[in-house]
């Protein structure tokens, strides 16, 4: 089975800019993943309007970067091989740009997750803790003094966020789905 690949960050950013959407690529991906992890409806045509909280928005162009973003994200979250990825600025970009992208991703995730899961999602203690940690990350003010050490720390935080998303998705989507199959 081949892993669904996210489109390049720059392609998503360019498509958002062409649509005059006031959201960064990383934040949109975080919102989409939060929406899906929180139990939001899988809807290839309606996801963009749902995530942007604007029912009048048209669906993304078929096979465009936003459509690819949705299809890859949904497939990665559902994949049993834990191949989920965050859409962040490329590794070659300055560490401050990548760090800002991660913070925006977390902010987007929290909004999308809250929109889909509601006030009292069925979270385990570990998931509650992970969600609180993501909120602290999203509210962080990063400083960059040692680029090499900062890049390494950023990778560790991104890996934590990646695993937290999978845990939250498991509690809100996979667990309830499994319980329905048993009944």
Protein backbone atom coordinates (compact mmCIF):
# COMPACT_ATOMS: atom_id res chain seq x y z
CA UNK A 1 0.00 0.00 0.00
CA UNK A 2 1.45 3.37 -0.96
CA UNK A 3 1.26 6.26 1.44
CA UNK A 4 -0.93 9.18 0.36
CA UNK A 5 1.36 12.17 -0.20
CA UNK A 6 0.52 15.70 0.82
CA UNK A 7 0.96 18.35 -1.87
CA UNK A 8 3.88 20.72 -1.40
CA UNK A 9 3.35 23.51 1.13
CA UNK A 10 4.10 26.09 -1.59
CA UNK A 11 1.38 24.67 -3.88
CA UNK A 12 -1.25 24.85 -1.14
CA UNK A 13 -0.13 28.39 -0.26
CA UNK A 14 -0.36 29.44 -3.92
CA UNK A 15 -3.85 28.01 -4.32
CA UNK A 16 -5.02 29.73 -1.12
CA UNK A 17 -3.54 33.01 -2.36
CA UNK A 18 -5.31 32.62 -5.71
CA UNK A 19 -8.59 32.10 -3.83
CA UNK A 20 -7.81 35.17 -1.70
CA UNK A 21 -8.25 33.03 1.40
CA UNK A 22 -6.82 34.70 4.48
CA UNK A 23 -5.33 31.53 5.92
CA UNK A 24 -1.80 30.15 5.74
CA UNK A 25 -1.27 26.69 4.25
CA UNK A 26 -0.13 25.16 7.55
CA UNK A 27 -3.07 26.63 9.44
CA UNK A 28 -5.52 25.31 6.85
CA UNK A 29 -4.02 21.84 7.08
CA UNK A 30 -4.21 21.99 10.87
CA UNK A 31 -7.87 23.06 10.65
CA UNK A 32 -8.66 20.25 8.22
CA UNK A 33 -6.90 17.64 10.37
CA UNK A 34 -8.56 18.95 13.54
CA UNK A 35 -11.94 18.79 11.83
CA UNK A 36 -11.34 15.20 10.66
CA UNK A 37 -9.77 14.07 13.97
CA UNK A 38 -12.69 15.56 15.89
CA UNK A 39 -15.22 13.54 13.91
CA UNK A 40 -16.13 16.05 11.20
CA UNK A 41 -17.85 14.65 8.14
CA UNK A 42 -15.64 13.24 5.41
CA UNK A 43 -16.88 15.25 2.45
CA UNK A 44 -14.52 15.87 -0.44
CA UNK A 45 -16.71 18.63 -1.86
CA UNK A 46 -17.82 20.30 1.38
CA UNK A 47 -14.75 20.14 3.61
CA UNK A 48 -13.30 23.50 2.57
CA UNK A 49 -16.52 25.41 3.32
CA UNK A 50 -16.90 23.54 6.62
CA UNK A 51 -13.32 24.17 7.76
CA UNK A 52 -13.42 27.80 6.67
CA UNK A 53 -16.83 28.19 8.41
CA UNK A 54 -18.29 29.70 5.24
CA UNK A 55 -21.07 27.60 3.67
CA UNK A 56 -20.96 29.77 0.53
CA UNK A 57 -17.41 28.76 -0.43
CA UNK A 58 -17.11 26.65 -3.56
CA UNK A 59 -15.40 23.28 -3.34
CA UNK A 60 -11.71 23.17 -4.30
CA UNK A 61 -10.86 22.35 -7.90
CA UNK A 62 -10.75 18.57 -8.45
CA UNK A 63 -7.14 17.36 -8.34
CA UNK A 64 -5.89 20.81 -7.33
CA UNK A 65 -3.59 21.26 -4.34
CA UNK A 66 -6.48 21.72 -1.87
CA UNK A 67 -8.28 18.64 -3.16
CA UNK A 68 -5.03 16.67 -2.90
CA UNK A 69 -4.55 18.05 0.62
CA UNK A 70 -7.95 16.74 1.68
CA UNK A 71 -7.56 13.32 0.07
CA UNK A 72 -4.05 12.74 1.44
CA UNK A 73 -4.94 14.00 4.94
CA UNK A 74 -8.05 11.82 5.20
CA UNK A 75 -6.13 8.78 3.93
CA UNK A 76 -3.19 9.38 6.27
CA UNK A 77 -5.42 9.71 9.33
CA UNK A 78 -7.19 6.46 8.45
CA UNK A 79 -4.01 4.57 7.57
CA UNK A 80 -2.99 1.77 9.95
CA UNK A 81 0.73 2.51 9.37
CA UNK A 82 0.72 5.85 11.28
CA UNK A 83 2.10 7.68 8.24
CA UNK A 84 0.33 10.92 9.12
CA UNK A 85 2.30 14.10 8.28
CA UNK A 86 1.95 17.79 9.11
CA UNK A 87 2.00 20.27 6.21
CA UNK A 88 4.73 22.68 7.29
CA UNK A 89 7.18 24.88 5.40
CA UNK A 90 9.91 22.79 3.78
CA UNK A 91 12.99 21.76 5.76
CA UNK A 92 15.13 24.12 3.68
CA UNK A 93 13.19 27.15 4.94
CA UNK A 94 14.51 29.18 7.91
CA UNK A 95 13.76 27.64 11.30
CA UNK A 96 11.68 30.65 12.39
CA UNK A 97 9.40 30.21 9.35
CA UNK A 98 9.02 26.49 10.11
CA UNK A 99 8.35 27.25 13.78
CA UNK A 100 5.70 29.83 12.91
CA UNK A 101 4.16 27.25 10.56
CA UNK A 102 3.96 24.71 13.39
CA UNK A 103 2.30 27.22 15.72
CA UNK A 104 -0.20 28.13 12.98
CA UNK A 105 -0.81 24.42 12.33
CA UNK A 106 -1.63 23.87 16.02
CA UNK A 107 -3.94 26.90 16.14
CA UNK A 108 -5.77 25.63 13.08
CA UNK A 109 -6.01 22.14 14.54
CA UNK A 110 -7.55 23.40 17.78
CA UNK A 111 -10.19 25.38 15.88
CA UNK A 112 -11.09 22.56 13.53
CA UNK A 113 -11.12 20.00 16.33
CA UNK A 114 -13.37 22.14 18.51
CA UNK A 115 -15.73 22.78 15.60
CA UNK A 116 -16.13 19.06 14.87
CA UNK A 117 -15.92 17.47 18.32
CA UNK A 118 -18.02 19.92 20.31
CA UNK A 119 -17.64 20.90 23.95
CA UNK A 120 -17.20 17.44 25.48
CA UNK A 121 -15.45 15.06 23.10
CA UNK A 122 -14.92 11.46 24.27
CA UNK A 123 -11.25 11.86 25.21
CA UNK A 124 -9.03 9.57 27.23
CA UNK A 125 -6.86 11.13 29.91
CA UNK A 126 -3.87 10.94 27.55
CA UNK A 127 -5.82 12.72 24.81
CA UNK A 128 -6.99 15.43 27.20
CA UNK A 129 -3.38 16.01 28.18
CA UNK A 130 -2.22 16.01 24.54
CA UNK A 131 -4.91 18.53 23.59
CA UNK A 132 -3.91 20.80 26.48
CA UNK A 133 -0.25 20.51 25.39
CA UNK A 134 -1.21 21.45 21.83
CA UNK A 135 -3.02 24.51 23.16
CA UNK A 136 0.15 25.52 25.04
CA UNK A 137 2.21 25.01 21.88
CA UNK A 138 -0.24 27.09 19.82
CA UNK A 139 0.01 29.93 22.36
CA UNK A 140 3.82 29.81 22.47
CA UNK A 141 6.08 32.67 21.53
CA UNK A 142 9.18 31.09 20.04
CA UNK A 143 12.63 32.61 20.02
CA UNK A 144 15.45 31.38 17.82
CA UNK A 145 18.95 31.76 19.12
CA UNK A 146 20.70 28.55 18.10
CA UNK A 147 19.45 27.52 14.65
CA UNK A 148 20.75 23.95 14.78
CA UNK A 149 19.41 23.20 18.27
CA UNK A 150 16.20 25.08 17.50
CA UNK A 151 15.63 23.00 14.35
CA UNK A 152 16.11 19.79 16.33
CA UNK A 153 13.72 20.95 19.06
CA UNK A 154 11.18 21.95 16.41
CA UNK A 155 11.34 18.44 14.91
CA UNK A 156 10.68 16.92 18.34
CA UNK A 157 7.68 19.19 18.94
CA UNK A 158 6.32 18.43 15.45
CA UNK A 159 6.63 14.70 16.17
CA UNK A 160 4.76 15.15 19.46
CA UNK A 161 1.98 17.02 17.62
CA UNK A 162 1.81 14.31 14.95
CA UNK A 163 1.36 11.57 17.55
CA UNK A 164 -1.13 13.67 19.54
CA UNK A 165 -3.29 14.08 16.43
CA UNK A 166 -3.33 10.33 15.87
CA UNK A 167 -4.31 9.79 19.52
CA UNK A 168 -7.14 12.33 19.32
CA UNK A 169 -8.36 10.84 16.03
CA UNK A 170 -8.36 7.42 17.66
CA UNK A 171 -10.48 8.61 20.59
CA UNK A 172 -12.99 10.63 18.58
CA UNK A 173 -13.27 8.68 15.33
CA UNK A 174 -11.74 5.21 15.42
CA UNK A 175 -12.94 4.27 18.92
CA UNK A 176 -16.61 5.18 18.35
CA UNK A 177 -16.50 3.50 14.91
CA UNK A 178 -15.13 0.31 16.48
CA UNK A 179 -17.78 0.37 19.23
CA UNK A 180 -20.54 0.72 16.60
CA UNK A 181 -19.20 -2.34 14.77
CA UNK A 182 -19.31 -4.37 17.98
CA UNK A 183 -22.96 -3.51 18.64
